[in-house]
């Protein structure tokens, strides 16, 4: 058995368990009615390609206020980026675009992301990456699985909170 035969059923089981416990089941509008504005969340993310020979370095997903979304890939400097996300209960969707110059060619990347958030500490899902090279008119599409954990700051509040909310 390969990793996928364990990964997907585990995600479904964890998601179903979280829903049955009643955690994070409020619609987005009701979640955001608190007096505090939503905090930005930064996740360290690891990828697994569904197509042999492709990889993305461990990166960061930054879910910012006002539904802004950024991807930070260490070692890559993107010239122009834009991204956004929506969240409904445990599920989220994000879209992100970025351009980079490599070997005097302009590469354009588009990420379409579908995932779930568990206990506001873990995320997992699927990314559909479209890479195009403007000068050569080449396109390729690659699908990745991802899993990530919340990158905690060193504040005393995050140390007190611990891993689980109980």
N, C-alpha and C. Protein backbone atom coordinates (compact mmCIF):
# COMPACT_ATOMS: atom_id res chain seq x y z
N UNK A 1 0.84 -1.18 0.00
CA UNK A 1 0.00 0.00 0.00
C UNK A 1 0.88 1.24 0.00
N UNK A 2 0.43 2.25 -0.70
CA UNK A 2 1.22 3.46 -0.75
C UNK A 2 0.68 4.51 0.22
N UNK A 3 1.36 5.63 0.28
CA UNK A 3 1.01 6.70 1.21
C UNK A 3 -0.40 7.23 0.99
N UNK A 4 -0.85 7.29 -0.28
CA UNK A 4 -2.17 7.85 -0.57
C UNK A 4 -3.30 7.01 0.02
N UNK A 5 -3.11 5.71 0.08
CA UNK A 5 -4.17 4.86 0.61
C UNK A 5 -4.39 5.10 2.10
N UNK A 6 -3.41 5.67 2.79
CA UNK A 6 -3.58 6.02 4.20
C UNK A 6 -3.95 7.49 4.37
N UNK A 7 -3.41 8.36 3.51
CA UNK A 7 -3.55 9.80 3.66
C UNK A 7 -5.00 10.26 3.49
N UNK A 8 -5.63 9.92 2.39
CA UNK A 8 -6.97 10.40 2.09
C UNK A 8 -8.00 9.88 3.10
N UNK A 9 -8.05 8.57 3.41
CA UNK A 9 -9.02 8.11 4.41
C UNK A 9 -8.79 8.76 5.78
N UNK A 10 -7.54 9.01 6.12
CA UNK A 10 -7.25 9.66 7.40
C UNK A 10 -7.81 11.07 7.43
N UNK A 11 -7.67 11.82 6.33
CA UNK A 11 -8.22 13.17 6.26
C UNK A 11 -9.74 13.15 6.40
N UNK A 12 -10.37 12.21 5.73
CA UNK A 12 -11.83 12.10 5.79
C UNK A 12 -12.28 11.77 7.21
N UNK A 13 -11.60 10.84 7.85
CA UNK A 13 -11.94 10.45 9.21
C UNK A 13 -11.76 11.60 10.19
N UNK A 14 -10.66 12.32 10.08
CA UNK A 14 -10.41 13.46 10.97
C UNK A 14 -11.45 14.53 10.74
N UNK A 15 -11.77 14.82 9.48
CA UNK A 15 -12.76 15.83 9.16
C UNK A 15 -14.13 15.45 9.71
N UNK A 16 -14.54 14.20 9.52
CA UNK A 16 -15.84 13.74 10.02
C UNK A 16 -15.88 13.78 11.54
N UNK A 17 -14.79 13.43 12.19
CA UNK A 17 -14.74 13.46 13.65
C UNK A 17 -14.88 14.88 14.16
N UNK A 18 -14.21 15.81 13.52
CA UNK A 18 -14.27 17.20 13.94
C UNK A 18 -15.68 17.75 13.77
N UNK A 19 -16.32 17.42 12.66
CA UNK A 19 -17.70 17.88 12.43
C UNK A 19 -18.63 17.27 13.47
N UNK A 20 -18.48 15.99 13.76
CA UNK A 20 -19.38 15.34 14.71
C UNK A 20 -19.18 15.88 16.12
N UNK A 21 -17.99 16.38 16.44
CA UNK A 21 -17.76 16.99 17.75
C UNK A 21 -18.31 18.40 17.82
N UNK A 22 -18.70 18.95 16.67
CA UNK A 22 -19.28 20.28 16.65
C UNK A 22 -18.25 21.39 16.63
N UNK A 23 -17.02 21.09 16.29
CA UNK A 23 -15.98 22.10 16.25
C UNK A 23 -15.98 22.81 14.91
N UNK A 24 -15.90 24.12 14.94
CA UNK A 24 -15.77 24.94 13.73
C UNK A 24 -16.87 24.67 12.72
N UNK A 25 -18.10 24.52 13.17
CA UNK A 25 -19.18 24.26 12.21
C UNK A 25 -20.03 25.49 11.93
N UNK A 26 -19.65 26.65 12.49
CA UNK A 26 -20.39 27.86 12.21
C UNK A 26 -20.07 28.36 10.82
N UNK A 27 -21.06 28.92 10.12
CA UNK A 27 -20.75 29.52 8.82
C UNK A 27 -19.74 30.66 9.00
N UNK A 28 -19.07 31.03 7.93
CA UNK A 28 -18.02 32.04 7.98
C UNK A 28 -18.51 33.34 8.57
N UNK A 29 -19.72 33.79 8.20
CA UNK A 29 -20.23 35.05 8.72
C UNK A 29 -20.37 35.03 10.23
N UNK A 30 -20.84 33.93 10.80
CA UNK A 30 -21.01 33.83 12.24
C UNK A 30 -19.67 33.71 12.95
N UNK A 31 -18.68 33.10 12.32
CA UNK A 31 -17.36 32.99 12.93
C UNK A 31 -16.71 34.36 13.04
N UNK A 32 -16.96 35.24 12.09
CA UNK A 32 -16.30 36.54 12.04
C UNK A 32 -17.05 37.63 12.79
N UNK A 33 -18.11 37.29 13.50
CA UNK A 33 -18.88 38.31 14.22
C UNK A 33 -18.27 38.68 15.56
N UNK A 34 -17.16 38.07 15.92
CA UNK A 34 -16.53 38.40 17.19
C UNK A 34 -16.00 39.83 17.13
N UNK A 35 -15.68 40.39 18.30
CA UNK A 35 -15.23 41.77 18.36
C UNK A 35 -13.81 41.92 17.83
N UNK A 36 -13.02 40.86 17.85
CA UNK A 36 -11.65 40.93 17.35
C UNK A 36 -11.63 40.67 15.84
N UNK A 37 -10.80 41.43 15.10
CA UNK A 37 -10.66 41.09 13.68
C UNK A 37 -9.93 39.76 13.54
N UNK A 38 -10.19 39.01 12.47
CA UNK A 38 -9.51 37.72 12.32
C UNK A 38 -8.00 37.91 12.22
N UNK A 39 -7.28 37.00 12.83
CA UNK A 39 -5.82 37.04 12.83
C UNK A 39 -5.28 36.43 11.54
N UNK A 40 -4.14 36.91 11.11
CA UNK A 40 -3.43 36.25 10.02
C UNK A 40 -2.89 34.93 10.53
N UNK A 41 -2.86 33.93 9.68
CA UNK A 41 -2.35 32.61 10.06
C UNK A 41 -1.31 32.18 9.04
N UNK A 42 -0.17 31.74 9.55
CA UNK A 42 0.93 31.28 8.71
C UNK A 42 1.15 29.80 8.96
N UNK A 43 1.09 29.01 7.89
CA UNK A 43 1.25 27.56 7.98
C UNK A 43 2.51 27.14 7.22
N UNK A 44 3.29 26.25 7.82
CA UNK A 44 4.41 25.61 7.11
C UNK A 44 3.82 24.41 6.39
N UNK A 45 4.04 24.33 5.08
CA UNK A 45 3.37 23.34 4.24
C UNK A 45 4.39 22.47 3.50
N UNK A 46 4.08 21.18 3.42
CA UNK A 46 4.89 20.21 2.68
C UNK A 46 4.03 19.62 1.56
N UNK A 47 4.67 19.30 0.44
CA UNK A 47 3.95 18.87 -0.76
C UNK A 47 4.37 17.48 -1.20
N UNK A 48 3.43 16.80 -1.85
CA UNK A 48 3.68 15.50 -2.44
C UNK A 48 3.05 15.51 -3.83
N UNK A 49 3.87 15.34 -4.86
CA UNK A 49 3.39 15.40 -6.24
C UNK A 49 2.67 14.12 -6.63
N UNK A 50 1.60 14.26 -7.39
CA UNK A 50 0.90 13.11 -7.94
C UNK A 50 1.44 12.75 -9.31
N UNK A 51 2.44 13.51 -9.79
CA UNK A 51 3.06 13.26 -11.08
C UNK A 51 4.57 13.13 -10.84
N UNK A 52 5.12 12.02 -11.23
CA UNK A 52 6.53 11.72 -10.97
C UNK A 52 7.45 12.80 -11.54
N UNK A 53 8.46 13.17 -10.76
CA UNK A 53 9.47 14.10 -11.23
C UNK A 53 9.19 15.56 -10.92
N UNK A 54 8.12 15.86 -10.21
CA UNK A 54 7.79 17.24 -9.88
C UNK A 54 7.84 17.43 -8.37
N UNK A 55 8.28 18.61 -7.95
CA UNK A 55 8.30 18.89 -6.52
C UNK A 55 8.20 20.38 -6.27
N UNK A 56 7.74 20.71 -5.08
CA UNK A 56 7.72 22.08 -4.58
C UNK A 56 8.41 22.01 -3.23
N UNK A 57 9.32 22.93 -2.98
CA UNK A 57 10.00 22.97 -1.69
C UNK A 57 9.00 23.28 -0.59
N UNK A 58 9.29 22.85 0.63
CA UNK A 58 8.44 23.21 1.77
C UNK A 58 8.28 24.72 1.77
N UNK A 59 7.05 25.17 1.95
CA UNK A 59 6.72 26.58 1.78
C UNK A 59 5.83 27.06 2.92
N UNK A 60 5.38 28.29 2.79
CA UNK A 60 4.48 28.87 3.77
C UNK A 60 3.22 29.37 3.07
N UNK A 61 2.07 29.03 3.65
CA UNK A 61 0.79 29.60 3.22
C UNK A 61 0.44 30.66 4.25
N UNK A 62 0.20 31.88 3.79
CA UNK A 62 -0.12 32.99 4.67
C UNK A 62 -1.56 33.43 4.40
N UNK A 63 -2.46 33.08 5.32
CA UNK A 63 -3.86 33.48 5.23
C UNK A 63 -3.97 34.81 5.98
N UNK A 64 -4.08 35.91 5.24
CA UNK A 64 -4.07 37.24 5.84
C UNK A 64 -5.49 37.75 6.05
N UNK A 65 -5.56 38.90 6.71
CA UNK A 65 -6.86 39.54 6.93
C UNK A 65 -7.44 39.97 5.59
N UNK A 66 -8.73 40.18 5.57
CA UNK A 66 -9.48 40.60 4.39
C UNK A 66 -9.34 39.59 3.24
N UNK A 67 -9.20 38.31 3.59
CA UNK A 67 -9.17 37.20 2.64
C UNK A 67 -8.03 37.28 1.62
N UNK A 68 -6.94 37.92 2.00
CA UNK A 68 -5.73 37.94 1.17
C UNK A 68 -4.93 36.67 1.44
N UNK A 69 -4.28 36.15 0.42
CA UNK A 69 -3.54 34.89 0.53
C UNK A 69 -2.20 35.01 -0.17
N UNK A 70 -1.15 34.53 0.47
CA UNK A 70 0.19 34.55 -0.11
C UNK A 70 0.84 33.18 0.04
N UNK A 71 1.68 32.84 -0.91
CA UNK A 71 2.53 31.65 -0.83
C UNK A 71 3.97 32.14 -0.84
N UNK A 72 4.74 31.70 0.15
CA UNK A 72 6.15 32.06 0.23
C UNK A 72 6.97 30.79 0.07
N UNK A 73 7.72 30.71 -1.03
CA UNK A 73 8.57 29.56 -1.30
C UNK A 73 10.01 30.01 -1.08
N UNK A 74 10.69 29.45 -0.07
CA UNK A 74 12.07 29.87 0.21
C UNK A 74 12.96 29.72 -1.02
N UNK A 75 13.76 30.76 -1.27
CA UNK A 75 14.67 30.75 -2.41
C UNK A 75 14.07 31.29 -3.69
N UNK A 76 12.78 31.58 -3.70
CA UNK A 76 12.12 32.12 -4.90
C UNK A 76 11.62 33.53 -4.60
N UNK A 77 11.92 34.46 -5.49
CA UNK A 77 11.42 35.83 -5.34
C UNK A 77 10.46 36.12 -6.49
N UNK A 78 9.20 36.20 -6.16
CA UNK A 78 8.18 36.44 -7.17
C UNK A 78 8.07 37.94 -7.42
N UNK A 79 7.91 38.31 -8.69
CA UNK A 79 7.86 39.71 -9.08
C UNK A 79 6.50 40.32 -8.82
N UNK A 80 5.48 39.60 -9.12
CA UNK A 80 4.12 40.12 -9.00
C UNK A 80 3.25 38.97 -8.51
N UNK A 81 2.55 39.20 -7.41
CA UNK A 81 1.69 38.14 -6.88
C UNK A 81 0.32 38.71 -6.54
N UNK A 82 -0.66 37.83 -6.56
CA UNK A 82 -1.98 38.17 -6.04
C UNK A 82 -2.65 36.88 -5.63
N UNK A 83 -3.40 36.95 -4.54
CA UNK A 83 -4.08 35.76 -4.06
C UNK A 83 -5.22 36.10 -3.12
N UNK A 84 -6.17 35.19 -3.04
CA UNK A 84 -7.30 35.36 -2.13
C UNK A 84 -7.77 33.99 -1.68
N UNK A 85 -8.57 33.98 -0.61
CA UNK A 85 -9.11 32.72 -0.12
C UNK A 85 -10.50 32.94 0.45
N UNK A 86 -11.26 31.85 0.51
CA UNK A 86 -12.55 31.83 1.18
C UNK A 86 -12.55 30.63 2.11
N UNK A 87 -13.29 30.76 3.20
CA UNK A 87 -13.38 29.67 4.16
C UNK A 87 -14.83 29.50 4.56
N UNK A 88 -15.28 28.24 4.55
CA UNK A 88 -16.63 27.92 4.96
C UNK A 88 -16.53 26.71 5.88
N UNK A 89 -16.73 26.93 7.15
CA UNK A 89 -16.63 25.87 8.15
C UNK A 89 -15.21 25.33 8.14
N UNK A 90 -15.03 24.06 7.86
CA UNK A 90 -13.70 23.45 7.86
C UNK A 90 -12.99 23.57 6.52
N UNK A 91 -13.74 23.85 5.46
CA UNK A 91 -13.18 23.86 4.12
C UNK A 91 -12.70 25.25 3.73
N UNK A 92 -11.65 25.28 2.91
CA UNK A 92 -11.21 26.54 2.35
C UNK A 92 -10.79 26.34 0.90
N UNK A 93 -10.85 27.43 0.16
CA UNK A 93 -10.37 27.46 -1.22
C UNK A 93 -9.49 28.69 -1.35
N UNK A 94 -8.42 28.56 -2.10
CA UNK A 94 -7.51 29.68 -2.31
C UNK A 94 -7.02 29.66 -3.75
N UNK A 95 -6.78 30.84 -4.27
CA UNK A 95 -6.20 31.01 -5.59
C UNK A 95 -5.03 31.97 -5.46
N UNK A 96 -3.96 31.66 -6.15
CA UNK A 96 -2.77 32.50 -6.07
C UNK A 96 -2.04 32.48 -7.40
N UNK A 97 -1.54 33.65 -7.81
CA UNK A 97 -0.77 33.78 -9.04
C UNK A 97 0.53 34.50 -8.75
N UNK A 98 1.60 34.04 -9.40
CA UNK A 98 2.89 34.69 -9.23
C UNK A 98 3.75 34.55 -10.47
N UNK A 99 4.62 35.54 -10.69
CA UNK A 99 5.55 35.53 -11.83
C UNK A 99 6.97 35.55 -11.32
N UNK A 100 7.85 34.87 -12.04
CA UNK A 100 9.26 34.82 -11.66
C UNK A 100 10.09 34.76 -12.94
N UNK A 101 11.29 35.33 -12.91
CA UNK A 101 12.21 35.26 -14.04
C UNK A 101 13.28 34.21 -13.72
N UNK A 102 13.40 33.20 -14.59
CA UNK A 102 14.43 32.17 -14.47
C UNK A 102 15.08 32.01 -15.84
N UNK A 103 16.39 32.03 -15.87
CA UNK A 103 17.13 31.83 -17.12
C UNK A 103 16.59 32.72 -18.24
N UNK A 104 16.32 33.97 -17.91
CA UNK A 104 15.83 34.99 -18.85
C UNK A 104 14.46 34.66 -19.44
N UNK A 105 13.71 33.83 -18.76
CA UNK A 105 12.35 33.51 -19.21
C UNK A 105 11.39 33.83 -18.08
N UNK A 106 10.20 34.28 -18.46
CA UNK A 106 9.18 34.60 -17.46
C UNK A 106 8.27 33.41 -17.25
N UNK A 107 8.26 32.92 -16.02
CA UNK A 107 7.40 31.81 -15.63
C UNK A 107 6.20 32.37 -14.89
N UNK A 108 5.03 31.91 -15.24
CA UNK A 108 3.80 32.31 -14.55
C UNK A 108 3.21 31.08 -13.87
N UNK A 109 2.95 31.21 -12.59
CA UNK A 109 2.40 30.11 -11.80
C UNK A 109 1.01 30.48 -11.31
N UNK A 110 0.09 29.55 -11.44
CA UNK A 110 -1.25 29.70 -10.88
C UNK A 110 -1.53 28.49 -10.00
N UNK A 111 -1.87 28.76 -8.75
CA UNK A 111 -2.20 27.70 -7.80
C UNK A 111 -3.70 27.77 -7.51
N UNK A 112 -4.40 26.66 -7.67
CA UNK A 112 -5.79 26.52 -7.25
C UNK A 112 -5.79 25.50 -6.13
N UNK A 113 -6.22 25.92 -4.96
CA UNK A 113 -6.08 25.12 -3.75
C UNK A 113 -7.44 24.83 -3.15
N UNK A 114 -7.67 23.57 -2.78
CA UNK A 114 -8.85 23.16 -2.03
C UNK A 114 -8.35 22.38 -0.82
N UNK A 115 -8.83 22.75 0.36
CA UNK A 115 -8.34 22.06 1.54
C UNK A 115 -9.29 22.12 2.71
N UNK A 116 -8.84 21.52 3.80
CA UNK A 116 -9.59 21.56 5.05
C UNK A 116 -8.67 22.06 6.15
N UNK A 117 -9.28 22.68 7.15
CA UNK A 117 -8.56 23.18 8.31
C UNK A 117 -9.07 22.42 9.52
N UNK A 118 -8.16 21.85 10.29
CA UNK A 118 -8.53 21.06 11.46
C UNK A 118 -8.02 21.73 12.73
N UNK A 119 -8.94 22.06 13.63
CA UNK A 119 -8.62 22.66 14.92
C UNK A 119 -7.79 23.93 14.78
N UNK A 120 -7.89 24.62 13.66
CA UNK A 120 -7.10 25.82 13.36
C UNK A 120 -5.60 25.61 13.54
N UNK A 121 -5.14 24.38 13.52
CA UNK A 121 -3.73 24.07 13.69
C UNK A 121 -3.16 23.34 12.49
N UNK A 122 -3.97 22.57 11.78
CA UNK A 122 -3.52 21.76 10.66
C UNK A 122 -4.33 22.09 9.42
N UNK A 123 -3.68 21.99 8.27
CA UNK A 123 -4.38 22.11 6.99
C UNK A 123 -3.90 20.98 6.08
N UNK A 124 -4.76 20.56 5.16
CA UNK A 124 -4.40 19.52 4.20
C UNK A 124 -5.32 19.66 3.00
N UNK A 125 -4.86 19.19 1.85
CA UNK A 125 -5.71 19.26 0.67
C UNK A 125 -4.96 19.00 -0.62
N UNK A 126 -5.53 19.56 -1.69
CA UNK A 126 -5.03 19.35 -3.05
C UNK A 126 -4.73 20.70 -3.70
N UNK A 127 -3.62 20.74 -4.43
CA UNK A 127 -3.24 21.93 -5.21
C UNK A 127 -3.16 21.52 -6.67
N UNK A 128 -3.76 22.35 -7.50
CA UNK A 128 -3.59 22.19 -8.95
C UNK A 128 -2.72 23.37 -9.40
N UNK A 129 -1.52 23.03 -9.85
CA UNK A 129 -0.54 24.03 -10.27
C UNK A 129 -0.51 24.10 -11.79
N UNK A 130 -0.62 25.31 -12.31
CA UNK A 130 -0.45 25.54 -13.75
C UNK A 130 0.79 26.40 -13.92
N UNK A 131 1.78 25.88 -14.63
CA UNK A 131 3.02 26.60 -14.89
C UNK A 131 3.09 26.90 -16.37
N UNK A 132 3.33 28.16 -16.72
CA UNK A 132 3.48 28.50 -18.13
C UNK A 132 4.72 29.37 -18.31
N UNK A 133 5.40 29.16 -19.44
CA UNK A 133 6.57 29.94 -19.80
C UNK A 133 6.15 30.81 -20.99
N UNK A 134 6.14 32.12 -20.78
CA UNK A 134 5.61 33.04 -21.79
C UNK A 134 6.38 32.97 -23.11
N UNK A 135 7.73 32.97 -23.04
CA UNK A 135 8.53 33.04 -24.25
C UNK A 135 8.41 31.80 -25.13
N UNK A 136 8.26 30.65 -24.54
CA UNK A 136 8.21 29.40 -25.32
C UNK A 136 6.78 28.86 -25.48
N UNK A 137 5.82 29.51 -24.86
CA UNK A 137 4.41 29.10 -24.92
C UNK A 137 4.21 27.67 -24.42
N UNK A 138 4.99 27.26 -23.43
CA UNK A 138 4.84 25.93 -22.85
C UNK A 138 3.96 26.02 -21.61
N UNK A 139 3.11 25.03 -21.44
CA UNK A 139 2.24 24.93 -20.27
C UNK A 139 2.34 23.53 -19.71
N UNK A 140 2.25 23.44 -18.40
CA UNK A 140 2.11 22.13 -17.78
C UNK A 140 1.26 22.27 -16.53
N UNK A 141 0.50 21.22 -16.25
CA UNK A 141 -0.36 21.19 -15.08
C UNK A 141 0.05 20.00 -14.22
N UNK A 142 0.22 20.27 -12.93
CA UNK A 142 0.65 19.24 -11.99
C UNK A 142 -0.23 19.34 -10.75
N UNK A 143 -0.63 18.19 -10.21
CA UNK A 143 -1.43 18.15 -9.00
C UNK A 143 -0.56 17.67 -7.84
N UNK A 144 -0.72 18.34 -6.70
CA UNK A 144 0.02 18.01 -5.49
C UNK A 144 -0.95 17.82 -4.33
N UNK A 145 -0.59 16.97 -3.40
CA UNK A 145 -1.24 16.91 -2.09
C UNK A 145 -0.39 17.76 -1.16
N UNK A 146 -1.02 18.38 -0.16
CA UNK A 146 -0.24 19.14 0.81
C UNK A 146 -0.77 18.89 2.21
N UNK A 147 0.11 19.07 3.16
CA UNK A 147 -0.25 19.02 4.57
C UNK A 147 0.59 20.07 5.28
N UNK A 148 -0.02 20.78 6.22
CA UNK A 148 0.71 21.85 6.89
C UNK A 148 0.30 22.01 8.33
N UNK A 149 1.18 22.66 9.08
CA UNK A 149 0.92 22.95 10.49
C UNK A 149 1.08 24.44 10.73
N UNK A 150 0.31 24.94 11.67
CA UNK A 150 0.37 26.35 12.03
C UNK A 150 1.75 26.68 12.55
N UNK A 151 2.33 27.75 12.04
CA UNK A 151 3.64 28.18 12.52
C UNK A 151 3.38 29.09 13.71
N UNK A 152 3.72 28.59 14.88
CA UNK A 152 3.47 29.34 16.12
C UNK A 152 4.53 30.40 16.31
N UNK A 153 4.11 31.52 16.92
CA UNK A 153 5.10 32.51 17.32
C UNK A 153 5.63 32.11 18.70
N UNK A 154 6.56 32.86 19.22
CA UNK A 154 7.16 32.51 20.51
C UNK A 154 6.49 33.21 21.68
N UNK A 155 5.28 33.72 21.48
CA UNK A 155 4.60 34.43 22.56
C UNK A 155 4.17 33.46 23.65
N UNK A 156 3.98 34.00 24.84
CA UNK A 156 3.58 33.15 25.96
C UNK A 156 2.17 32.61 25.77
N UNK A 157 1.31 33.36 25.05
CA UNK A 157 -0.06 32.90 24.82
C UNK A 157 -0.08 31.61 24.02
N UNK A 158 0.74 31.52 22.97
CA UNK A 158 0.74 30.31 22.16
C UNK A 158 1.36 29.14 22.91
N UNK A 159 2.29 29.40 23.83
CA UNK A 159 2.87 28.33 24.63
C UNK A 159 1.86 27.81 25.65
N UNK A 160 1.03 28.70 26.19
CA UNK A 160 0.02 28.30 27.17
C UNK A 160 -1.07 27.46 26.52
N UNK A 161 -1.43 27.81 25.29
CA UNK A 161 -2.57 27.19 24.64
C UNK A 161 -2.37 25.70 24.43
N UNK A 162 -1.18 25.28 24.09
CA UNK A 162 -0.93 23.86 23.88
C UNK A 162 -1.48 23.39 22.55
N UNK A 163 -1.40 22.09 22.33
CA UNK A 163 -1.78 21.52 21.04
C UNK A 163 -3.29 21.39 20.87
N UNK A 164 -3.99 20.96 21.91
CA UNK A 164 -5.43 20.75 21.80
C UNK A 164 -6.19 21.75 22.66
N UNK A 165 -7.42 22.09 22.27
CA UNK A 165 -8.17 23.11 22.99
C UNK A 165 -8.80 22.63 24.29
N UNK A 166 -8.55 21.41 24.72
CA UNK A 166 -9.15 20.91 25.96
C UNK A 166 -8.10 20.47 26.95
